[in-house]
Every structure is written in structure tokens, then in C-alpha cells.
PDB file of all heavy atoms in Angstrom:
ATOM      1  N   ARG A   1      -6.891  13.444   4.810  1.00  0.00           N
ATOM      2  CA  ARG A   1      -5.682  13.916   5.458  1.00  0.00           C
ATOM      3  C   ARG A   1      -4.460  13.129   5.023  1.00  0.00           C
ATOM      4  O   ARG A   1      -4.563  12.004   4.572  1.00  0.00           O
ATOM      5  CB  ARG A   1      -5.850  13.800   6.968  1.00  0.00           C
ATOM      6  CG  ARG A   1      -6.998  14.623   7.513  1.00  0.00           C
ATOM      7  CD  ARG A   1      -7.236  14.319   8.972  1.00  0.00           C
ATOM      8  NE  ARG A   1      -6.070  14.599   9.781  1.00  0.00           N
ATOM      9  CZ  ARG A   1      -6.015  14.356  11.090  1.00  0.00           C
ATOM     10  NH1 ARG A   1      -7.035  13.808  11.704  1.00  0.00           N
ATOM     11  NH2 ARG A   1      -4.935  14.658  11.773  1.00  0.00           N
ATOM     12  N   GLU A   2      -3.307  13.764   5.192  1.00  0.00           N
ATOM     13  CA  GLU A   2      -2.011  13.095   5.005  1.00  0.00           C
ATOM     14  C   GLU A   2      -1.886  12.489   3.608  1.00  0.00           C
ATOM     15  O   GLU A   2      -1.494  11.328   3.461  1.00  0.00           O
ATOM     16  CB  GLU A   2      -1.818  12.040   6.089  1.00  0.00           C
ATOM     17  CG  GLU A   2      -1.840  12.637   7.476  1.00  0.00           C
ATOM     18  CD  GLU A   2      -1.634  11.593   8.564  1.00  0.00           C
ATOM     19  OE1 GLU A   2      -2.045  10.426   8.370  1.00  0.00           O
ATOM     20  OE2 GLU A   2      -1.070  11.956   9.614  1.00  0.00           O
ATOM     21  N   PHE A   3      -2.197  13.268   2.622  1.00  0.00           N
ATOM     22  CA  PHE A   3      -2.118  12.802   1.232  1.00  0.00           C
ATOM     23  C   PHE A   3      -0.721  12.302   0.910  1.00  0.00           C
ATOM     24  O   PHE A   3      -0.547  11.356   0.143  1.00  0.00           O
ATOM     25  CB  PHE A   3      -2.521  13.945   0.303  1.00  0.00           C
ATOM     26  CG  PHE A   3      -2.325  13.647  -1.152  1.00  0.00           C
ATOM     27  CD1 PHE A   3      -3.129  12.716  -1.790  1.00  0.00           C
ATOM     28  CD2 PHE A   3      -1.352  14.305  -1.896  1.00  0.00           C
ATOM     29  CE1 PHE A   3      -2.967  12.434  -3.138  1.00  0.00           C
ATOM     30  CE2 PHE A   3      -1.177  14.037  -3.228  1.00  0.00           C
ATOM     31  CZ  PHE A   3      -1.990  13.106  -3.869  1.00  0.00           C
ATOM     32  N   GLU A   4       0.282  12.927   1.523  1.00  0.00           N
ATOM     33  CA  GLU A   4       1.660  12.580   1.191  1.00  0.00           C
ATOM     34  C   GLU A   4       2.041  11.184   1.667  1.00  0.00           C
ATOM     35  O   GLU A   4       3.086  10.667   1.289  1.00  0.00           O
ATOM     36  CB  GLU A   4       2.619  13.609   1.812  1.00  0.00           C
ATOM     37  CG  GLU A   4       2.650  13.628   3.332  1.00  0.00           C
ATOM     38  CD  GLU A   4       1.525  14.426   3.958  1.00  0.00           C
ATOM     39  OE1 GLU A   4       0.639  14.912   3.197  1.00  0.00           O
ATOM     40  OE2 GLU A   4       1.525  14.564   5.192  1.00  0.00           O
ATOM     41  N   THR A   5       1.216  10.558   2.488  1.00  0.00           N
ATOM     42  CA  THR A   5       1.516   9.217   2.971  1.00  0.00           C
ATOM     43  C   THR A   5       0.997   8.119   2.046  1.00  0.00           C
ATOM     44  O   THR A   5       1.125   6.936   2.353  1.00  0.00           O
ATOM     45  CB  THR A   5       0.921   8.991   4.369  1.00  0.00           C
ATOM     46  OG1 THR A   5      -0.508   9.035   4.283  1.00  0.00           O
ATOM     47  CG2 THR A   5       1.408  10.045   5.357  1.00  0.00           C
ATOM     48  N   TYR A   6       0.433   8.516   0.927  1.00  0.00           N
ATOM     49  CA  TYR A   6      -0.112   7.551  -0.025  1.00  0.00           C
ATOM     50  C   TYR A   6       0.762   7.443  -1.263  1.00  0.00           C
ATOM     51  O   TYR A   6       1.223   8.449  -1.804  1.00  0.00           O
ATOM     52  CB  TYR A   6      -1.522   7.956  -0.457  1.00  0.00           C
ATOM     53  CG  TYR A   6      -2.543   7.827   0.633  1.00  0.00           C
ATOM     54  CD1 TYR A   6      -2.734   8.847   1.559  1.00  0.00           C
ATOM     55  CD2 TYR A   6      -3.308   6.678   0.752  1.00  0.00           C
ATOM     56  CE1 TYR A   6      -3.658   8.720   2.576  1.00  0.00           C
ATOM     57  CE2 TYR A   6      -4.245   6.542   1.766  1.00  0.00           C
ATOM     58  CZ  TYR A   6      -4.410   7.566   2.668  1.00  0.00           C
ATOM     59  OH  TYR A   6      -5.334   7.424   3.663  1.00  0.00           O
ATOM     60  N   ALA A   7       0.961   6.224  -1.724  1.00  0.00           N
ATOM     61  CA  ALA A   7       1.480   5.996  -3.067  1.00  0.00           C
ATOM     62  C   ALA A   7       0.283   6.103  -4.001  1.00  0.00           C
ATOM     63  O   ALA A   7      -0.798   5.596  -3.702  1.00  0.00           O
ATOM     64  CB  ALA A   7       2.110   4.618  -3.176  1.00  0.00           C
ATOM     65  N   MET A   8       0.481   6.767  -5.119  1.00  0.00           N
ATOM     66  CA  MET A   8      -0.607   7.014  -6.055  1.00  0.00           C
ATOM     67  C   MET A   8      -0.354   6.307  -7.373  1.00  0.00           C
ATOM     68  O   MET A   8       0.787   6.142  -7.811  1.00  0.00           O
ATOM     69  CB  MET A   8      -0.753   8.521  -6.297  1.00  0.00           C
ATOM     70  CG  MET A   8      -1.040   9.329  -5.050  1.00  0.00           C
ATOM     71  SD  MET A   8      -2.597   8.882  -4.265  1.00  0.00           S
ATOM     72  CE  MET A   8      -3.762   9.341  -5.539  1.00  0.00           C
ATOM     73  N   GLY A   9      -1.441   5.928  -8.010  1.00  0.00           N
ATOM     74  CA  GLY A   9      -1.314   5.252  -9.301  1.00  0.00           C
ATOM     75  C   GLY A   9      -2.414   5.639 -10.253  1.00  0.00           C
ATOM     76  O   GLY A   9      -3.485   6.095  -9.837  1.00  0.00           O
ATOM     77  N   TRP A  10      -2.128   5.484 -11.522  1.00  0.00           N
ATOM     78  CA  TRP A  10      -3.135   5.609 -12.583  1.00  0.00           C
ATOM     79  C   TRP A  10      -3.272   4.250 -13.255  1.00  0.00           C
ATOM     80  O   TRP A  10      -2.272   3.607 -13.594  1.00  0.00           O
ATOM     81  CB  TRP A  10      -2.708   6.635 -13.626  1.00  0.00           C
ATOM     82  CG  TRP A  10      -2.836   8.063 -13.213  1.00  0.00           C
ATOM     83  CD1 TRP A  10      -1.866   8.886 -12.732  1.00  0.00           C
ATOM     84  CD2 TRP A  10      -4.026   8.853 -13.256  1.00  0.00           C
ATOM     85  NE1 TRP A  10      -2.374  10.135 -12.471  1.00  0.00           N
ATOM     86  CE2 TRP A  10      -3.709  10.149 -12.789  1.00  0.00           C
ATOM     87  CE3 TRP A  10      -5.352   8.613 -13.652  1.00  0.00           C
ATOM     88  CZ2 TRP A  10      -4.637  11.178 -12.699  1.00  0.00           C
ATOM     89  CZ3 TRP A  10      -6.282   9.642 -13.565  1.00  0.00           C
ATOM     90  CH2 TRP A  10      -5.921  10.902 -13.089  1.00  0.00           C
ATOM     91  N   PHE A  11      -4.512   3.841 -13.453  1.00  0.00           N
ATOM     92  CA  PHE A  11      -4.838   2.605 -14.156  1.00  0.00           C
ATOM     93  C   PHE A  11      -5.808   2.947 -15.274  1.00  0.00           C
ATOM     94  O   PHE A  11      -6.409   4.012 -15.279  1.00  0.00           O
ATOM     95  CB  PHE A  11      -5.492   1.593 -13.215  1.00  0.00           C
ATOM     96  CG  PHE A  11      -4.548   0.961 -12.238  1.00  0.00           C
ATOM     97  CD1 PHE A  11      -4.050   1.679 -11.163  1.00  0.00           C
ATOM     98  CD2 PHE A  11      -4.150  -0.358 -12.387  1.00  0.00           C
ATOM     99  CE1 PHE A  11      -3.167   1.102 -10.255  1.00  0.00           C
ATOM    100  CE2 PHE A  11      -3.276  -0.953 -11.488  1.00  0.00           C
ATOM    101  CZ  PHE A  11      -2.793  -0.214 -10.423  1.00  0.00           C
ATOM    102  N   ARG A  12      -5.971   2.014 -16.199  1.00  0.00           N
ATOM    103  CA  ARG A  12      -6.968   2.214 -17.241  1.00  0.00           C
ATOM    104  C   ARG A  12      -7.605   0.875 -17.590  1.00  0.00           C
ATOM    105  O   ARG A  12      -7.016  -0.189 -17.401  1.00  0.00           O
ATOM    106  CB  ARG A  12      -6.351   2.845 -18.486  1.00  0.00           C
ATOM    107  CG  ARG A  12      -5.353   1.967 -19.223  1.00  0.00           C
ATOM    108  CD  ARG A  12      -4.716   2.759 -20.354  1.00  0.00           C
ATOM    109  NE  ARG A  12      -3.784   1.938 -21.123  1.00  0.00           N
ATOM    110  CZ  ARG A  12      -2.998   2.421 -22.089  1.00  0.00           C
ATOM    111  NH1 ARG A  12      -3.046   3.720 -22.406  1.00  0.00           N
ATOM    112  NH2 ARG A  12      -2.186   1.624 -22.748  1.00  0.00           N
ATOM    113  N   GLN A  13      -8.824   0.981 -18.116  1.00  0.00           N
ATOM    114  CA  GLN A  13      -9.553  -0.213 -18.505  1.00  0.00           C
ATOM    115  C   GLN A  13     -10.304   0.045 -19.804  1.00  0.00           C
ATOM    116  O   GLN A  13     -11.112   0.976 -19.898  1.00  0.00           O
ATOM    117  CB  GLN A  13     -10.530  -0.642 -17.422  1.00  0.00           C
ATOM    118  CG  GLN A  13     -11.187  -1.984 -17.682  1.00  0.00           C
ATOM    119  CD  GLN A  13     -11.905  -2.528 -16.473  1.00  0.00           C
ATOM    120  OE1 GLN A  13     -12.247  -1.803 -15.544  1.00  0.00           O
ATOM    121  NE2 GLN A  13     -12.123  -3.839 -16.459  1.00  0.00           N
ATOM    122  N   SER A  14     -10.021  -0.798 -20.797  1.00  0.00           N
ATOM    123  CA  SER A  14     -10.708  -0.734 -22.075  1.00  0.00           C
ATOM    124  C   SER A  14     -11.797  -1.798 -22.095  1.00  0.00           C
ATOM    125  O   SER A  14     -11.704  -2.783 -21.366  1.00  0.00           O
ATOM    126  CB  SER A  14      -9.718  -0.987 -23.217  1.00  0.00           C
ATOM    127  OG  SER A  14      -8.645  -0.083 -23.165  1.00  0.00           O
ATOM    128  N   PRO A  15     -12.811  -1.634 -22.932  1.00  0.00           N
ATOM    129  CA  PRO A  15     -13.885  -2.635 -22.985  1.00  0.00           C
ATOM    130  C   PRO A  15     -13.356  -4.036 -23.266  1.00  0.00           C
ATOM    131  O   PRO A  15     -12.555  -4.240 -24.188  1.00  0.00           O
ATOM    132  CB  PRO A  15     -14.752  -2.131 -24.148  1.00  0.00           C
ATOM    133  CG  PRO A  15     -14.512  -0.673 -24.183  1.00  0.00           C
ATOM    134  CD  PRO A  15     -13.067  -0.489 -23.803  1.00  0.00           C
ATOM    135  N   GLY A  16     -13.763  -4.985 -22.440  1.00  0.00           N
ATOM    136  CA  GLY A  16     -13.366  -6.366 -22.623  1.00  0.00           C
ATOM    137  C   GLY A  16     -11.981  -6.710 -22.136  1.00  0.00           C
ATOM    138  O   GLY A  16     -11.520  -7.837 -22.305  1.00  0.00           O
ATOM    139  N   LYS A  17     -11.316  -5.735 -21.521  1.00  0.00           N
ATOM    140  CA  LYS A  17      -9.951  -5.977 -21.041  1.00  0.00           C
ATOM    141  C   LYS A  17      -9.871  -5.793 -19.529  1.00  0.00           C
ATOM    142  O   LYS A  17     -10.705  -5.113 -18.927  1.00  0.00           O
ATOM    143  CB  LYS A  17      -8.974  -5.029 -21.735  1.00  0.00           C
ATOM    144  CG  LYS A  17      -8.817  -5.287 -23.217  1.00  0.00           C
ATOM    145  CD  LYS A  17      -7.720  -4.403 -23.807  1.00  0.00           C
ATOM    146  CE  LYS A  17      -7.497  -4.683 -25.269  1.00  0.00           C
ATOM    147  NZ  LYS A  17      -6.402  -3.845 -25.844  1.00  0.00           N
ATOM    148  N   GLU A  18      -8.819  -6.351 -18.949  1.00  0.00           N
ATOM    149  CA  GLU A  18      -8.558  -6.167 -17.530  1.00  0.00           C
ATOM    150  C   GLU A  18      -8.070  -4.746 -17.264  1.00  0.00           C
ATOM    151  O   GLU A  18      -7.459  -4.119 -18.131  1.00  0.00           O
ATOM    152  CB  GLU A  18      -7.494  -7.164 -17.075  1.00  0.00           C
ATOM    153  CG  GLU A  18      -7.909  -8.620 -17.142  1.00  0.00           C
ATOM    154  CD  GLU A  18      -8.901  -8.974 -16.056  1.00  0.00           C
ATOM    155  OE1 GLU A  18      -8.761  -8.452 -14.942  1.00  0.00           O
ATOM    156  OE2 GLU A  18      -9.813  -9.777 -16.329  1.00  0.00           O
ATOM    157  N   ARG A  19      -8.311  -4.280 -16.064  1.00  0.00           N
ATOM    158  CA  ARG A  19      -7.759  -2.988 -15.672  1.00  0.00           C
ATOM    159  C   ARG A  19      -6.248  -3.129 -15.574  1.00  0.00           C
ATOM    160  O   ARG A  19      -5.733  -4.078 -14.967  1.00  0.00           O
ATOM    161  CB  ARG A  19      -8.344  -2.548 -14.333  1.00  0.00           C
ATOM    162  CG  ARG A  19      -8.023  -1.131 -13.951  1.00  0.00           C
ATOM    163  CD  ARG A  19      -8.756  -0.711 -12.698  1.00  0.00           C
ATOM    164  NE  ARG A  19     -10.209  -0.732 -12.876  1.00  0.00           N
ATOM    165  CZ  ARG A  19     -11.065  -0.268 -11.976  1.00  0.00           C
ATOM    166  NH1 ARG A  19     -10.618   0.255 -10.829  1.00  0.00           N
ATOM    167  NH2 ARG A  19     -12.364  -0.330 -12.203  1.00  0.00           N
ATOM    168  N   GLU A  20      -5.521  -2.179 -16.175  1.00  0.00           N
ATOM    169  CA  GLU A  20      -4.073  -2.293 -16.218  1.00  0.00           C
ATOM    170  C   GLU A  20      -3.397  -1.065 -15.637  1.00  0.00           C
ATOM    171  O   GLU A  20      -3.912   0.054 -15.725  1.00  0.00           O
ATOM    172  CB  GLU A  20      -3.597  -2.491 -17.668  1.00  0.00           C
ATOM    173  CG  GLU A  20      -3.878  -1.340 -18.596  1.00  0.00           C
ATOM    174  CD  GLU A  20      -3.243  -1.525 -19.975  1.00  0.00           C
ATOM    175  OE1 GLU A  20      -2.491  -2.493 -20.176  1.00  0.00           O
ATOM    176  OE2 GLU A  20      -3.497  -0.660 -20.832  1.00  0.00           O
ATOM    177  N   PHE A  21      -2.229  -1.310 -15.087  1.00  0.00           N
ATOM    178  CA  PHE A  21      -1.404  -0.238 -14.528  1.00  0.00           C
ATOM    179  C   PHE A  21      -0.877   0.637 -15.655  1.00  0.00           C
ATOM    180  O   PHE A  21      -0.418   0.139 -16.684  1.00  0.00           O
ATOM    181  CB  PHE A  21      -0.246  -0.856 -13.745  1.00  0.00           C
ATOM    182  CG  PHE A  21       0.781   0.121 -13.268  1.00  0.00           C
ATOM    183  CD1 PHE A  21       0.570   0.874 -12.131  1.00  0.00           C
ATOM    184  CD2 PHE A  21       1.974   0.282 -13.955  1.00  0.00           C
ATOM    185  CE1 PHE A  21       1.529   1.763 -11.670  1.00  0.00           C
ATOM    186  CE2 PHE A  21       2.935   1.162 -13.518  1.00  0.00           C
ATOM    187  CZ  PHE A  21       2.725   1.907 -12.379  1.00  0.00           C
ATOM    188  N   VAL A  22      -0.896   1.957 -15.425  1.00  0.00           N
ATOM    189  CA  VAL A  22      -0.366   2.909 -16.392  1.00  0.00           C
ATOM    190  C   VAL A  22       0.870   3.601 -15.821  1.00  0.00           C
ATOM    191  O   VAL A  22       1.934   3.613 -16.442  1.00  0.00           O
ATOM    192  CB  VAL A  22      -1.426   3.961 -16.759  1.00  0.00           C
ATOM    193  CG1 VAL A  22      -0.818   5.021 -17.690  1.00  0.00           C
ATOM    194  CG2 VAL A  22      -2.627   3.307 -17.417  1.00  0.00           C
ATOM    195  N   ALA A  23       0.728   4.168 -14.639  1.00  0.00           N
ATOM    196  CA  ALA A  23       1.832   4.893 -14.019  1.00  0.00           C
ATOM    197  C   ALA A  23       1.552   5.030 -12.530  1.00  0.00           C
ATOM    198  O   ALA A  23       0.403   5.034 -12.099  1.00  0.00           O
ATOM    199  CB  ALA A  23       2.011   6.261 -14.645  1.00  0.00           C
ATOM    200  N   GLY A  24       2.633   5.179 -11.769  1.00  0.00           N
ATOM    201  CA  GLY A  24       2.455   5.362 -10.341  1.00  0.00           C
ATOM    202  C   GLY A  24       3.769   5.735  -9.691  1.00  0.00           C
ATOM    203  O   GLY A  24       4.828   5.646 -10.325  1.00  0.00           O
ATOM    204  N   ASP A  25       3.686   6.167  -8.443  1.00  0.00           N
ATOM    205  CA  ASP A  25       4.917   6.541  -7.761  1.00  0.00           C
ATOM    206  C   ASP A  25       5.078   5.715  -6.489  1.00  0.00           C
ATOM    207  O   ASP A  25       4.294   4.835  -6.189  1.00  0.00           O
ATOM    208  CB  ASP A  25       4.923   8.053  -7.459  1.00  0.00           C
ATOM    209  CG  ASP A  25       3.909   8.484  -6.408  1.00  0.00           C
ATOM    210  OD1 ASP A  25       3.125   7.638  -5.939  1.00  0.00           O
ATOM    211  OD2 ASP A  25       3.891   9.683  -6.080  1.00  0.00           O
ATOM    212  N   ARG A  26       6.156   5.983  -5.759  1.00  0.00           N
ATOM    213  CA  ARG A  26       6.406   5.319  -4.497  1.00  0.00           C
ATOM    214  C   ARG A  26       6.684   6.367  -3.433  1.00  0.00           C
ATOM    215  O   ARG A  26       7.137   7.457  -3.748  1.00  0.00           O
ATOM    216  CB  ARG A  26       7.585   4.354  -4.617  1.00  0.00           C
ATOM    217  CG  ARG A  26       8.894   5.009  -5.007  1.00  0.00           C
ATOM    218  CD  ARG A  26       9.970   3.978  -5.238  1.00  0.00           C
ATOM    219  NE  ARG A  26      11.257   4.591  -5.555  1.00  0.00           N
ATOM    220  CZ  ARG A  26      12.354   3.914  -5.828  1.00  0.00           C
ATOM    221  NH1 ARG A  26      12.326   2.587  -5.820  1.00  0.00           N
ATOM    222  NH2 ARG A  26      13.466   4.535  -6.105  1.00  0.00           N
ATOM    223  N   ARG A  27       6.423   6.044  -2.201  1.00  0.00           N
ATOM    224  CA  ARG A  27       6.507   7.015  -1.118  1.00  0.00           C
ATOM    225  C   ARG A  27       7.938   7.481  -0.896  1.00  0.00           C
ATOM    226  O   ARG A  27       8.183   8.613  -0.527  1.00  0.00           O
ATOM    227  CB  ARG A  27       5.929   6.427   0.158  1.00  0.00           C
ATOM    228  CG  ARG A  27       6.106   7.347   1.368  1.00  0.00           C
ATOM    229  CD  ARG A  27       4.796   7.751   1.934  1.00  0.00           C
ATOM    230  NE  ARG A  27       5.016   8.755   2.968  1.00  0.00           N
ATOM    231  CZ  ARG A  27       4.826   8.544   4.251  1.00  0.00           C
ATOM    232  NH1 ARG A  27       4.380   7.371   4.674  1.00  0.00           N
ATOM    233  NH2 ARG A  27       5.053   9.494   5.128  1.00  0.00           N
ATOM    234  N   TYR A  28       8.899   6.592  -1.133  1.00  0.00           N
ATOM    235  CA  TYR A  28      10.283   6.862  -0.768  1.00  0.00           C
ATOM    236  C   TYR A  28      10.824   8.130  -1.423  1.00  0.00           C
ATOM    237  O   TYR A  28      11.425   8.975  -0.775  1.00  0.00           O
ATOM    238  CB  TYR A  28      11.152   5.665  -1.142  1.00  0.00           C
ATOM    239  CG  TYR A  28      12.616   5.869  -0.930  1.00  0.00           C
ATOM    240  CD1 TYR A  28      13.147   5.984   0.349  1.00  0.00           C
ATOM    241  CD2 TYR A  28      13.494   5.963  -2.004  1.00  0.00           C
ATOM    242  CE1 TYR A  28      14.497   6.174   0.555  1.00  0.00           C
ATOM    243  CE2 TYR A  28      14.848   6.158  -1.810  1.00  0.00           C
ATOM    244  CZ  TYR A  28      15.340   6.251  -0.529  1.00  0.00           C
ATOM    245  OH  TYR A  28      16.676   6.446  -0.335  1.00  0.00           O
TER     246      TYR A  28
END
């Protein structure tokens, strides 16, 4: 429920690397 109350993000992880931020939004 209430999907619109969440900030959403995309991350990615390559072998041997840390998971990194790719894109995301803000609620405002």
C-alpha cells in the first residue's frame, strides 16, 4: 500500500564491487 509514500532507487552491483547507487527520486 501507499507506494507513493516511498522514495525509490536503482542500484547495481558488479562482481567484486560494492553495490552502487544508479538513480533515484525523492518524495518532494
